[in-house]
Amino acid sequence: LAVSVKRTPATRGKKLFLFLSQKALTEKDGRFL
């Protein structure tokens, strides 16, 4: 599974965590559960 991410001005230069999980970690809108 190849993952690519489009960085925004706010995320440029910041460390990114990629989480692959069996259950969703966020709501449908993207906010953390």
PDB file of all heavy atoms in Angstrom:
ATOM      1  N   LEU A   1       0.857  -1.182   0.000  1.00  0.00           N
ATOM      2  CA  LEU A   1       0.000   0.000   0.000  1.00  0.00           C
ATOM      3  C   LEU A   1       0.891   1.229   0.000  1.00  0.00           C
ATOM      4  O   LEU A   1       1.578   1.506   0.993  1.00  0.00           O
ATOM      5  CB  LEU A   1      -0.918   0.004   1.227  1.00  0.00           C
ATOM      6  CG  LEU A   1      -1.810   1.228   1.394  1.00  0.00           C
ATOM      7  CD1 LEU A   1      -2.814   1.327   0.239  1.00  0.00           C
ATOM      8  CD2 LEU A   1      -2.531   1.185   2.732  1.00  0.00           C
ATOM      9  N   ALA A   2       0.903   1.935  -1.124  1.00  0.00           N
ATOM     10  CA  ALA A   2       1.689   3.169  -1.239  1.00  0.00           C
ATOM     11  C   ALA A   2       0.818   4.340  -0.791  1.00  0.00           C
ATOM     12  O   ALA A   2      -0.315   4.484  -1.255  1.00  0.00           O
ATOM     13  CB  ALA A   2       2.153   3.372  -2.678  1.00  0.00           C
ATOM     14  N   VAL A   3       1.351   5.159   0.094  1.00  0.00           N
ATOM     15  CA  VAL A   3       0.630   6.317   0.614  1.00  0.00           C
ATOM     16  C   VAL A   3       1.408   7.577   0.245  1.00  0.00           C
ATOM     17  O   VAL A   3       2.610   7.654   0.492  1.00  0.00           O
ATOM     18  CB  VAL A   3       0.477   6.248   2.148  1.00  0.00           C
ATOM     19  CG1 VAL A   3      -0.232   7.494   2.675  1.00  0.00           C
ATOM     20  CG2 VAL A   3      -0.268   4.991   2.560  1.00  0.00           C
ATOM     21  N   SER A   4       0.704   8.539  -0.339  1.00  0.00           N
ATOM     22  CA  SER A   4       1.306   9.841  -0.596  1.00  0.00           C
ATOM     23  C   SER A   4       0.426  10.902   0.058  1.00  0.00           C
ATOM     24  O   SER A   4      -0.789  10.738   0.179  1.00  0.00           O
ATOM     25  CB  SER A   4       1.445  10.102  -2.100  1.00  0.00           C
ATOM     26  OG  SER A   4       0.188  10.081  -2.725  1.00  0.00           O
ATOM     27  N   VAL A   5       1.078  11.984   0.482  1.00  0.00           N
ATOM     28  CA  VAL A   5       0.375  13.019   1.235  1.00  0.00           C
ATOM     29  C   VAL A   5       0.652  14.376   0.596  1.00  0.00           C
ATOM     30  O   VAL A   5       1.802  14.714   0.310  1.00  0.00           O
ATOM     31  CB  VAL A   5       0.846  13.051   2.709  1.00  0.00           C
ATOM     32  CG1 VAL A   5       0.110  14.128   3.479  1.00  0.00           C
ATOM     33  CG2 VAL A   5       0.664  11.692   3.356  1.00  0.00           C
ATOM     34  N   LYS A   6      -0.410  15.141   0.388  1.00  0.00           N
ATOM     35  CA  LYS A   6      -0.260  16.517  -0.085  1.00  0.00           C
ATOM     36  C   LYS A   6      -0.106  17.405   1.149  1.00  0.00           C
ATOM     37  O   LYS A   6      -1.016  17.503   1.970  1.00  0.00           O
ATOM     38  CB  LYS A   6      -1.477  16.942  -0.895  1.00  0.00           C
ATOM     39  CG  LYS A   6      -1.387  18.372  -1.376  1.00  0.00           C
ATOM     40  CD  LYS A   6      -2.625  18.765  -2.136  1.00  0.00           C
ATOM     41  CE  LYS A   6      -2.572  20.228  -2.533  1.00  0.00           C
ATOM     42  NZ  LYS A   6      -3.843  20.633  -3.163  1.00  0.00           N
ATOM     43  N   ARG A   7       1.045  18.004   1.275  1.00  0.00           N
ATOM     44  CA  ARG A   7       1.299  18.883   2.419  1.00  0.00           C
ATOM     45  C   ARG A   7       0.700  20.262   2.151  1.00  0.00           C
ATOM     46  O   ARG A   7       0.678  20.734   1.020  1.00  0.00           O
ATOM     47  CB  ARG A   7       2.786  19.001   2.687  1.00  0.00           C
ATOM     48  CG  ARG A   7       3.381  17.720   3.284  1.00  0.00           C
ATOM     49  CD  ARG A   7       4.848  17.926   3.573  1.00  0.00           C
ATOM     50  NE  ARG A   7       5.476  16.776   4.172  1.00  0.00           N
ATOM     51  CZ  ARG A   7       5.620  16.586   5.485  1.00  0.00           C
ATOM     52  NH1 ARG A   7       5.155  17.473   6.332  1.00  0.00           N
ATOM     53  NH2 ARG A   7       6.235  15.513   5.937  1.00  0.00           N
ATOM     54  N   THR A   8       0.241  20.881   3.216  1.00  0.00           N
ATOM     55  CA  THR A   8      -0.278  22.239   3.162  1.00  0.00           C
ATOM     56  C   THR A   8       0.777  23.165   3.766  1.00  0.00           C
ATOM     57  O   THR A   8       1.746  22.685   4.364  1.00  0.00           O
ATOM     58  CB  THR A   8      -1.578  22.341   3.986  1.00  0.00           C
ATOM     59  OG1 THR A   8      -1.267  22.073   5.357  1.00  0.00           O
ATOM     60  CG2 THR A   8      -2.636  21.365   3.489  1.00  0.00           C
ATOM     61  N   PRO A   9       0.610  24.471   3.643  1.00  0.00           N
ATOM     62  CA  PRO A   9       1.578  25.367   4.276  1.00  0.00           C
ATOM     63  C   PRO A   9       1.746  25.081   5.781  1.00  0.00           C
ATOM     64  O   PRO A   9       2.847  25.167   6.313  1.00  0.00           O
ATOM     65  CB  PRO A   9       0.995  26.758   4.035  1.00  0.00           C
ATOM     66  CG  PRO A   9       0.247  26.609   2.744  1.00  0.00           C
ATOM     67  CD  PRO A   9      -0.352  25.216   2.805  1.00  0.00           C
ATOM     68  N   ALA A  10       0.663  24.693   6.449  1.00  0.00           N
ATOM     69  CA  ALA A  10       0.731  24.422   7.899  1.00  0.00           C
ATOM     70  C   ALA A  10       1.489  23.138   8.224  1.00  0.00           C
ATOM     71  O   ALA A  10       2.019  22.998   9.324  1.00  0.00           O
ATOM     72  CB  ALA A  10      -0.680  24.335   8.483  1.00  0.00           C
ATOM     73  N   THR A  11       1.563  22.196   7.274  1.00  0.00           N
ATOM     74  CA  THR A  11       2.204  20.908   7.558  1.00  0.00           C
ATOM     75  C   THR A  11       3.594  20.773   6.939  1.00  0.00           C
ATOM     76  O   THR A  11       4.272  19.792   7.198  1.00  0.00           O
ATOM     77  CB  THR A  11       1.321  19.733   7.081  1.00  0.00           C
ATOM     78  OG1 THR A  11       1.168  19.794   5.659  1.00  0.00           O
ATOM     79  CG2 THR A  11      -0.043  19.767   7.751  1.00  0.00           C
ATOM     80  N   ARG A  12       4.007  21.740   6.145  1.00  0.00           N
ATOM     81  CA  ARG A  12       5.347  21.681   5.535  1.00  0.00           C
ATOM     82  C   ARG A  12       6.413  21.698   6.613  1.00  0.00           C
ATOM     83  O   ARG A  12       6.372  22.502   7.534  1.00  0.00           O
ATOM     84  CB  ARG A  12       5.551  22.845   4.579  1.00  0.00           C
ATOM     85  CG  ARG A  12       4.934  22.578   3.257  1.00  0.00           C
ATOM     86  CD  ARG A  12       5.387  23.547   2.180  1.00  0.00           C
ATOM     87  NE  ARG A  12       4.409  23.485   1.120  1.00  0.00           N
ATOM     88  CZ  ARG A  12       3.546  24.451   0.831  1.00  0.00           C
ATOM     89  NH1 ARG A  12       3.586  25.589   1.469  1.00  0.00           N
ATOM     90  NH2 ARG A  12       2.678  24.278  -0.126  1.00  0.00           N
ATOM     91  N   GLY A  13       7.353  20.779   6.488  1.00  0.00           N
ATOM     92  CA  GLY A  13       8.458  20.717   7.435  1.00  0.00           C
ATOM     93  C   GLY A  13       8.124  20.033   8.752  1.00  0.00           C
ATOM     94  O   GLY A  13       8.989  19.877   9.604  1.00  0.00           O
ATOM     95  N   LYS A  14       6.886  19.620   8.932  1.00  0.00           N
ATOM     96  CA  LYS A  14       6.464  18.957  10.167  1.00  0.00           C
ATOM     97  C   LYS A  14       6.525  17.445  10.003  1.00  0.00           C
ATOM     98  O   LYS A  14       6.309  16.905   8.921  1.00  0.00           O
ATOM     99  CB  LYS A  14       5.031  19.349  10.548  1.00  0.00           C
ATOM    100  CG  LYS A  14       4.840  20.825  10.783  1.00  0.00           C
ATOM    101  CD  LYS A  14       5.606  21.285  11.989  1.00  0.00           C
ATOM    102  CE  LYS A  14       5.361  22.756  12.252  1.00  0.00           C
ATOM    103  NZ  LYS A  14       6.097  23.240  13.393  1.00  0.00           N
ATOM    104  N   LYS A  15       6.795  16.757  11.096  1.00  0.00           N
ATOM    105  CA  LYS A  15       6.776  15.292  11.095  1.00  0.00           C
ATOM    106  C   LYS A  15       5.345  14.813  10.891  1.00  0.00           C
ATOM    107  O   LYS A  15       4.400  15.378  11.453  1.00  0.00           O
ATOM    108  CB  LYS A  15       7.302  14.770  12.428  1.00  0.00           C
ATOM    109  CG  LYS A  15       7.422  13.261  12.506  1.00  0.00           C
ATOM    110  CD  LYS A  15       7.860  12.795  13.874  1.00  0.00           C
ATOM    111  CE  LYS A  15       9.270  13.251  14.153  1.00  0.00           C
ATOM    112  NZ  LYS A  15       9.797  12.714  15.420  1.00  0.00           N
ATOM    113  N   LEU A  16       5.191  13.769  10.071  1.00  0.00           N
ATOM    114  CA  LEU A  16       3.886  13.157   9.858  1.00  0.00           C
ATOM    115  C   LEU A  16       3.887  11.747  10.431  1.00  0.00           C
ATOM    116  O   LEU A  16       4.853  11.009  10.273  1.00  0.00           O
ATOM    117  CB  LEU A  16       3.550  13.060   8.363  1.00  0.00           C
ATOM    118  CG  LEU A  16       3.448  14.346   7.569  1.00  0.00           C
ATOM    119  CD1 LEU A  16       3.100  14.034   6.114  1.00  0.00           C
ATOM    120  CD2 LEU A  16       2.422  15.291   8.163  1.00  0.00           C
ATOM    121  N   PHE A  17       2.803  11.398  11.100  1.00  0.00           N
ATOM    122  CA  PHE A  17       2.589  10.031  11.563  1.00  0.00           C
ATOM    123  C   PHE A  17       1.611   9.376  10.605  1.00  0.00           C
ATOM    124  O   PHE A  17       0.589   9.951  10.274  1.00  0.00           O
ATOM    125  CB  PHE A  17       1.978  10.002  12.961  1.00  0.00           C
ATOM    126  CG  PHE A  17       2.797  10.669  14.016  1.00  0.00           C
ATOM    127  CD1 PHE A  17       2.258  11.699  14.766  1.00  0.00           C
ATOM    128  CD2 PHE A  17       4.100  10.282  14.277  1.00  0.00           C
ATOM    129  CE1 PHE A  17       3.003  12.324  15.749  1.00  0.00           C
ATOM    130  CE2 PHE A  17       4.850  10.896  15.258  1.00  0.00           C
ATOM    131  CZ  PHE A  17       4.302  11.923  15.999  1.00  0.00           C
ATOM    132  N   LEU A  18       1.921   8.173  10.158  1.00  0.00           N
ATOM    133  CA  LEU A  18       1.008   7.371   9.346  1.00  0.00           C
ATOM    134  C   LEU A  18       0.554   6.208  10.204  1.00  0.00           C
ATOM    135  O   LEU A  18       1.369   5.383  10.621  1.00  0.00           O
ATOM    136  CB  LEU A  18       1.714   6.828   8.102  1.00  0.00           C
ATOM    137  CG  LEU A  18       1.778   7.721   6.879  1.00  0.00           C
ATOM    138  CD1 LEU A  18       2.496   8.998   7.144  1.00  0.00           C
ATOM    139  CD2 LEU A  18       2.374   6.974   5.731  1.00  0.00           C
ATOM    140  N   PHE A  19      -0.724   6.182  10.502  1.00  0.00           N
ATOM    141  CA  PHE A  19      -1.276   5.123  11.329  1.00  0.00           C
ATOM    142  C   PHE A  19      -2.129   4.206  10.466  1.00  0.00           C
ATOM    143  O   PHE A  19      -3.076   4.659   9.824  1.00  0.00           O
ATOM    144  CB  PHE A  19      -2.147   5.699  12.451  1.00  0.00           C
ATOM    145  CG  PHE A  19      -1.398   6.535  13.442  1.00  0.00           C
ATOM    146  CD1 PHE A  19      -1.635   7.896  13.523  1.00  0.00           C
ATOM    147  CD2 PHE A  19      -0.473   5.973  14.298  1.00  0.00           C
ATOM    148  CE1 PHE A  19      -0.956   8.673  14.443  1.00  0.00           C
ATOM    149  CE2 PHE A  19       0.212   6.740  15.221  1.00  0.00           C
ATOM    150  CZ  PHE A  19      -0.028   8.097  15.289  1.00  0.00           C
ATOM    151  N   LEU A  20      -1.803   2.925  10.458  1.00  0.00           N
ATOM    152  CA  LEU A  20      -2.627   1.912   9.809  1.00  0.00           C
ATOM    153  C   LEU A  20      -3.234   1.086  10.926  1.00  0.00           C
ATOM    154  O   LEU A  20      -2.512   0.489  11.728  1.00  0.00           O
ATOM    155  CB  LEU A  20      -1.775   1.048   8.877  1.00  0.00           C
ATOM    156  CG  LEU A  20      -2.541   0.166   7.901  1.00  0.00           C
ATOM    157  CD1 LEU A  20      -3.351   1.027   6.927  1.00  0.00           C
ATOM    158  CD2 LEU A  20      -1.589  -0.730   7.138  1.00  0.00           C
ATOM    159  N   SER A  21      -4.567   1.074  11.002  1.00  0.00           N
ATOM    160  CA  SER A  21      -5.234   0.449  12.140  1.00  0.00           C
ATOM    161  C   SER A  21      -6.441  -0.367  11.689  1.00  0.00           C
ATOM    162  O   SER A  21      -6.924  -0.228  10.570  1.00  0.00           O
ATOM    163  CB  SER A  21      -5.681   1.519  13.144  1.00  0.00           C
ATOM    164  OG  SER A  21      -6.527   2.466  12.514  1.00  0.00           O
ATOM    165  N   GLN A  22      -6.919  -1.206  12.616  1.00  0.00           N
ATOM    166  CA  GLN A  22      -8.101  -2.010  12.340  1.00  0.00           C
ATOM    167  C   GLN A  22      -9.386  -1.243  12.592  1.00  0.00           C
ATOM    168  O   GLN A  22     -10.434  -1.609  12.072  1.00  0.00           O
ATOM    169  CB  GLN A  22      -8.087  -3.270  13.204  1.00  0.00           C
ATOM    170  CG  GLN A  22      -6.980  -4.218  12.829  1.00  0.00           C
ATOM    171  CD  GLN A  22      -6.882  -5.386  13.778  1.00  0.00           C
ATOM    172  OE1 GLN A  22      -7.018  -5.227  14.991  1.00  0.00           O
ATOM    173  NE2 GLN A  22      -6.656  -6.562  13.239  1.00  0.00           N
ATOM    174  N   LYS A  23      -9.320  -0.179  13.391  1.00  0.00           N
ATOM    175  CA  LYS A  23     -10.484   0.670  13.663  1.00  0.00           C
ATOM    176  C   LYS A  23     -10.127   2.106  13.316  1.00  0.00           C
ATOM    177  O   LYS A  23      -8.973   2.514  13.399  1.00  0.00           O
ATOM    178  CB  LYS A  23     -10.892   0.575  15.135  1.00  0.00           C
ATOM    179  CG  LYS A  23     -11.435  -0.775  15.520  1.00  0.00           C
ATOM    180  CD  LYS A  23     -11.973  -0.771  16.921  1.00  0.00           C
ATOM    181  CE  LYS A  23     -12.539  -2.134  17.277  1.00  0.00           C
ATOM    182  NZ  LYS A  23     -13.031  -2.172  18.657  1.00  0.00           N
ATOM    183  N   ALA A  24     -11.134   2.874  12.951  1.00  0.00           N
ATOM    184  CA  ALA A  24     -10.923   4.281  12.607  1.00  0.00           C
ATOM    185  C   ALA A  24     -10.461   5.066  13.833  1.00  0.00           C
ATOM    186  O   ALA A  24     -10.959   4.847  14.945  1.00  0.00           O
ATOM    187  CB  ALA A  24     -12.214   4.874  12.062  1.00  0.00           C
ATOM    188  N   LEU A  25      -9.513   5.977  13.626  1.00  0.00           N
ATOM    189  CA  LEU A  25      -9.026   6.840  14.706  1.00  0.00           C
ATOM    190  C   LEU A  25      -9.683   8.206  14.670  1.00  0.00           C
ATOM    191  O   LEU A  25      -9.506   9.003  15.600  1.00  0.00           O
ATOM    192  CB  LEU A  25      -7.503   7.010  14.609  1.00  0.00           C
ATOM    193  CG  LEU A  25      -6.661   5.740  14.599  1.00  0.00           C
ATOM    194  CD1 LEU A  25      -5.183   6.104  14.561  1.00  0.00           C
ATOM    195  CD2 LEU A  25      -6.971   4.859  15.793  1.00  0.00           C
ATOM    196  N   THR A  26     -10.422   8.490  13.584  1.00  0.00           N
ATOM    197  CA  THR A  26     -11.067   9.798  13.449  1.00  0.00           C
ATOM    198  C   THR A  26     -12.549   9.647  13.123  1.00  0.00           C
ATOM    199  O   THR A  26     -13.003   8.608  12.644  1.00  0.00           O
ATOM    200  CB  THR A  26     -10.417  10.630  12.325  1.00  0.00           C
ATOM    201  OG1 THR A  26     -10.616   9.958  11.083  1.00  0.00           O
ATOM    202  CG2 THR A  26      -8.946  10.873  12.576  1.00  0.00           C
ATOM    203  N   GLU A  27     -13.257  10.745  13.354  1.00  0.00           N
ATOM    204  CA  GLU A  27     -14.656  10.848  12.918  1.00  0.00           C
ATOM    205  C   GLU A  27     -14.655  10.955  11.396  1.00  0.00           C
ATOM    206  O   GLU A  27     -13.601  11.121  10.773  1.00  0.00           O
ATOM    207  CB  GLU A  27     -15.295  12.111  13.510  1.00  0.00           C
ATOM    208  CG  GLU A  27     -15.313  12.178  15.017  1.00  0.00           C
ATOM    209  CD  GLU A  27     -16.423  11.361  15.634  1.00  0.00           C
ATOM    210  OE1 GLU A  27     -17.254  10.783  14.890  1.00  0.00           O
ATOM    211  OE2 GLU A  27     -16.475  11.285  16.867  1.00  0.00           O
ATOM    212  N   LYS A  28     -15.826  10.935  10.791  1.00  0.00           N
ATOM    213  CA  LYS A  28     -15.914  11.083   9.338  1.00  0.00           C
ATOM    214  C   LYS A  28     -15.349  12.424   8.875  1.00  0.00           C
ATOM    215  O   LYS A  28     -14.814  12.531   7.783  1.00  0.00           O
ATOM    216  CB  LYS A  28     -17.357  10.932   8.871  1.00  0.00           C
ATOM    217  CG  LYS A  28     -17.858   9.509   8.946  1.00  0.00           C
ATOM    218  CD  LYS A  28     -19.270   9.386   8.441  1.00  0.00           C
ATOM    219  CE  LYS A  28     -19.743   7.949   8.580  1.00  0.00           C
ATOM    220  NZ  LYS A  28     -21.105   7.772   8.129  1.00  0.00           N
ATOM    221  N   ASP A  29     -15.470  13.464   9.722  1.00  0.00           N
ATOM    222  CA  ASP A  29     -14.974  14.793   9.342  1.00  0.00           C
ATOM    223  C   ASP A  29     -13.469  14.959   9.572  1.00  0.00           C
ATOM    224  O   ASP A  29     -12.892  15.974   9.206  1.00  0.00           O
ATOM    225  CB  ASP A  29     -15.734  15.885  10.079  1.00  0.00           C
ATOM    226  CG  ASP A  29     -15.463  15.925  11.580  1.00  0.00           C
ATOM    227  OD1 ASP A  29     -14.714  15.063  12.105  1.00  0.00           O
ATOM    228  OD2 ASP A  29     -15.994  16.828  12.238  1.00  0.00           O
ATOM    229  N   GLY A  30     -12.830  13.960  10.193  1.00  0.00           N
ATOM    230  CA  GLY A  30     -11.389  14.017  10.395  1.00  0.00           C
ATOM    231  C   GLY A  30     -10.929  14.346  11.797  1.00  0.00           C
ATOM    232  O   GLY A  30      -9.743  14.298  12.089  1.00  0.00           O
ATOM    233  N   ARG A  31     -11.846  14.694  12.690  1.00  0.00           N
ATOM    234  CA  ARG A  31     -11.451  14.976  14.074  1.00  0.00           C
ATOM    235  C   ARG A  31     -11.201  13.654  14.803  1.00  0.00           C
ATOM    236  O   ARG A  31     -11.866  12.665  14.566  1.00  0.00           O
ATOM    237  CB  ARG A  31     -12.533  15.760  14.797  1.00  0.00           C
ATOM    238  CG  ARG A  31     -12.774  17.092  14.135  1.00  0.00           C
ATOM    239  CD  ARG A  31     -13.351  18.112  15.084  1.00  0.00           C
ATOM    240  NE  ARG A  31     -13.707  19.316  14.373  1.00  0.00           N
ATOM    241  CZ  ARG A  31     -12.839  20.224  13.951  1.00  0.00           C
ATOM    242  NH1 ARG A  31     -11.568  20.058  14.161  1.00  0.00           N
ATOM    243  NH2 ARG A  31     -13.239  21.296  13.303  1.00  0.00           N
ATOM    244  N   PHE A  32     -10.223  13.679  15.708  1.00  0.00           N
ATOM    245  CA  PHE A  32      -9.884  12.477  16.465  1.00  0.00           C
ATOM    246  C   PHE A  32     -11.079  11.956  17.242  1.00  0.00           C
ATOM    247  O   PHE A  32     -11.867  12.735  17.789  1.00  0.00           O
ATOM    248  CB  PHE A  32      -8.771  12.757  17.481  1.00  0.00           C
ATOM    249  CG  PHE A  32      -7.439  13.110  16.890  1.00  0.00           C
ATOM    250  CD1 PHE A  32      -6.638  14.048  17.494  1.00  0.00           C
ATOM    251  CD2 PHE A  32      -6.977  12.501  15.743  1.00  0.00           C
ATOM    252  CE1 PHE A  32      -5.402  14.377  16.977  1.00  0.00           C
ATOM    253  CE2 PHE A  32      -5.747  12.817  15.208  1.00  0.00           C
ATOM    254  CZ  PHE A  32      -4.954  13.760  15.825  1.00  0.00           C
ATOM    255  N   LEU A  33     -11.219  10.647  17.305  1.00  0.00           N
ATOM    256  CA  LEU A  33     -12.117  10.010  18.259  1.00  0.00           C
ATOM    257  C   LEU A  33     -11.333  10.080  19.572  1.00  0.00           C
ATOM    258  O   LEU A  33     -10.433   9.272  19.807  1.00  0.00           O
ATOM    259  CB  LEU A  33     -12.417   8.564  17.849  1.00  0.00           C
ATOM    260  CG  LEU A  33     -13.304   8.422  16.612  1.00  0.00           C
ATOM    261  CD1 LEU A  33     -13.252   7.005  16.060  1.00  0.00           C
ATOM    262  CD2 LEU A  33     -14.724   8.804  16.959  1.00  0.00           C
TER     263      LEU A  33
END
